[in-house]
Amino acid sequence: MYQGSPTGGMKFYELLMESEEFTSALGKVTLASGKLEAELIILLTKNGVKGDYNKATLGKLISIGIKNNLFDQNMIISLQQISKQRNYITHNIYALFTDLIDETILERNNLLDSDVYLYVERAWQLQENLDGVAEILKQKNRNC
């Protein structure tokens, strides 16, 4: 399907939209994000941190956990980085290819049509990271 042809902008965005591998990986990022958010809410609740968490964003849940000293420095860095990456891949891809935002986490320039696989890999890796951190929190929740 992909031939290593130069592409970019909205054409590359369209390739991403057409890619079942990419959209599937992005869906798994969403599911893994929900898992992480749920584990954060469980952790907050088990530690007596009161609040209405029904509409809290991942970033807000992380901030509440930090404020209540529930994480060590390594976990704080991991959570903040994962949140930044998740927000970027789920909220900014279209903006990236319409030049509304700068190229930072994902590449926009000098792309080939086959770089769809690079985006699939990035989404897969993010999903793995989200799941990994959620599992660490799940174990921590079991020990509370």
Protein backbone atom coordinates (compact mmCIF):
# COMPACT_ATOMS: atom_id res chain seq x y z
CA MET A 1 0.00 0.00 0.00
CA TYR A 2 2.69 2.49 0.99
CA GLN A 3 5.48 3.08 -1.47
CA GLY A 4 7.81 5.45 0.37
CA SER A 5 6.44 8.44 -1.55
CA PRO A 6 6.92 11.93 -0.11
CA THR A 7 3.73 13.24 1.47
CA GLY A 8 2.70 15.66 4.15
CA GLY A 9 0.06 18.01 5.43
CA MET A 10 -3.54 17.00 5.00
CA LYS A 11 -2.61 14.18 2.63
CA PHE A 12 -0.68 12.48 5.42
CA TYR A 13 -3.53 13.15 7.84
CA GLU A 14 -5.89 11.42 5.39
CA LEU A 15 -3.52 8.44 5.26
CA LEU A 16 -3.66 8.25 9.05
CA MET A 17 -7.46 8.37 8.98
CA GLU A 18 -7.55 5.58 6.40
CA SER A 19 -5.11 3.40 8.31
CA GLU A 20 -6.90 0.71 10.31
CA GLU A 21 -3.63 0.03 12.15
CA PHE A 22 -3.28 3.65 13.25
CA THR A 23 -6.92 4.17 14.21
CA SER A 24 -6.89 0.88 16.10
CA ALA A 25 -3.74 1.88 17.96
CA LEU A 26 -5.26 5.27 18.74
CA GLY A 27 -8.37 3.54 20.08
CA LYS A 28 -6.16 1.43 22.34
CA VAL A 29 -4.51 4.64 23.59
CA THR A 30 -7.96 5.88 24.54
CA LEU A 31 -8.81 2.65 26.37
CA ALA A 32 -5.47 2.64 28.19
CA SER A 33 -5.99 6.29 29.17
CA GLY A 34 -9.32 5.38 30.71
CA LYS A 35 -7.66 2.57 32.65
CA LEU A 36 -5.00 4.94 33.98
CA GLU A 37 -7.60 7.54 34.93
CA ALA A 38 -9.64 4.90 36.80
CA GLU A 39 -6.58 3.67 38.70
CA LEU A 40 -5.73 7.25 39.64
CA ILE A 41 -9.27 7.78 40.96
CA ILE A 42 -9.05 4.54 42.96
CA LEU A 43 -5.72 5.68 44.41
CA LEU A 44 -7.10 9.08 45.36
CA THR A 45 -10.20 7.54 46.94
CA LYS A 46 -8.26 4.89 48.87
CA ASN A 47 -6.01 7.61 50.24
CA GLY A 48 -8.98 9.65 51.48
CA VAL A 49 -8.67 12.41 48.91
CA LYS A 50 -12.23 13.61 48.49
CA GLY A 51 -13.50 15.09 45.25
CA ASP A 52 -15.86 14.74 42.34
CA TYR A 53 -13.70 12.89 39.85
CA ASN A 54 -16.40 12.09 37.26
CA LYS A 55 -15.30 14.84 34.87
CA ALA A 56 -11.67 15.21 35.95
CA THR A 57 -9.09 15.06 33.17
CA LEU A 58 -5.99 12.91 33.30
CA GLY A 59 -3.91 16.01 33.95
CA LYS A 60 -6.17 17.12 36.80
CA LEU A 61 -6.06 13.68 38.44
CA ILE A 62 -2.28 13.71 38.24
CA SER A 63 -2.14 17.20 39.75
CA ILE A 64 -4.39 16.14 42.65
CA GLY A 65 -2.17 13.12 43.29
CA ILE A 66 0.96 15.28 43.26
CA LYS A 67 -0.65 17.85 45.58
CA ASN A 68 -1.46 15.04 48.02
CA ASN A 69 2.06 13.53 47.88
CA LEU A 70 0.90 10.18 46.48
CA PHE A 71 3.76 9.73 43.99
CA ASP A 72 7.52 9.57 44.12
CA GLN A 73 9.54 11.77 41.78
CA ASN A 74 9.95 9.06 39.14
CA MET A 75 6.20 8.46 39.01
CA ILE A 76 5.54 12.19 38.75
CA ILE A 77 7.87 12.48 35.76
CA SER A 78 6.33 9.40 34.12
CA LEU A 79 2.75 10.57 34.63
CA GLN A 80 3.43 14.09 33.38
CA GLN A 81 5.24 12.83 30.28
CA ILE A 82 2.55 10.27 29.47
CA SER A 83 -0.17 12.88 29.92
CA LYS A 84 1.64 15.28 27.59
CA GLN A 85 2.10 12.60 24.93
CA ARG A 86 -1.47 11.35 25.25
CA ASN A 87 -2.89 14.86 24.93
CA TYR A 88 -0.75 15.53 21.89
CA ILE A 89 -1.66 12.37 19.99
CA THR A 90 -5.37 12.55 20.82
CA HIS A 91 -5.96 16.28 20.50
CA ASN A 92 -3.35 17.78 18.19
CA ILE A 93 -2.74 15.65 15.12
CA TYR A 94 -5.14 17.59 12.92
CA ALA A 95 -3.75 20.88 14.23
CA LEU A 96 -0.22 19.63 13.51
CA PHE A 97 -0.99 18.98 9.84
CA THR A 98 -2.83 22.27 9.38
CA ASP A 99 0.20 24.14 10.79
CA LEU A 100 -1.74 25.44 13.81
CA ILE A 101 0.88 24.06 16.19
CA ASP A 102 4.61 23.54 16.01
CA GLU A 103 6.17 20.18 15.31
CA THR A 104 7.23 18.82 18.69
CA ILE A 105 6.35 15.24 19.68
CA LEU A 106 5.37 13.94 16.25
CA GLU A 107 6.98 14.67 12.91
CA ARG A 108 5.20 16.80 10.32
CA ASN A 109 7.92 17.59 7.80
CA ASN A 110 9.76 15.37 5.30
CA LEU A 111 7.29 12.51 5.73
CA LEU A 112 6.82 9.56 3.42
CA ASP A 113 3.50 7.78 3.05
CA SER A 114 5.12 4.79 4.80
CA ASP A 115 5.68 6.95 7.90
CA VAL A 116 2.13 6.00 8.83
CA TYR A 117 3.88 3.00 10.38
CA LEU A 118 5.96 5.37 12.51
CA TYR A 119 2.76 6.92 13.83
CA VAL A 120 1.31 3.46 14.49
CA GLU A 121 4.45 2.57 16.46
CA ARG A 122 4.27 5.79 18.49
CA ALA A 123 0.62 5.16 19.37
CA TRP A 124 1.37 1.53 20.26
CA GLN A 125 4.27 2.58 22.50
CA LEU A 126 2.14 5.20 24.24
CA GLN A 127 -0.58 2.62 24.86
CA GLU A 128 2.03 0.28 26.36
CA ASN A 129 3.32 3.08 28.60
CA LEU A 130 -0.19 4.02 29.73
CA ASP A 131 -0.96 0.38 30.52
CA GLY A 132 2.34 -0.06 32.33
CA VAL A 133 1.83 2.91 34.62
CA ALA A 134 -1.80 1.90 35.20
CA GLU A 135 -0.59 -1.56 36.28
CA ILE A 136 1.91 -0.03 38.70
CA LEU A 137 -0.89 2.05 40.22
CA LYS A 138 -3.16 -1.00 40.32
CA GLN A 139 -0.57 -2.85 42.39
CA LYS A 140 -0.17 0.17 44.64
CA ASN A 141 -3.96 0.29 45.06
CA ARG A 142 -4.04 -3.37 46.09
CA ASN A 143 -1.51 -2.59 48.83
CA CYS A 144 -3.45 0.39 50.24
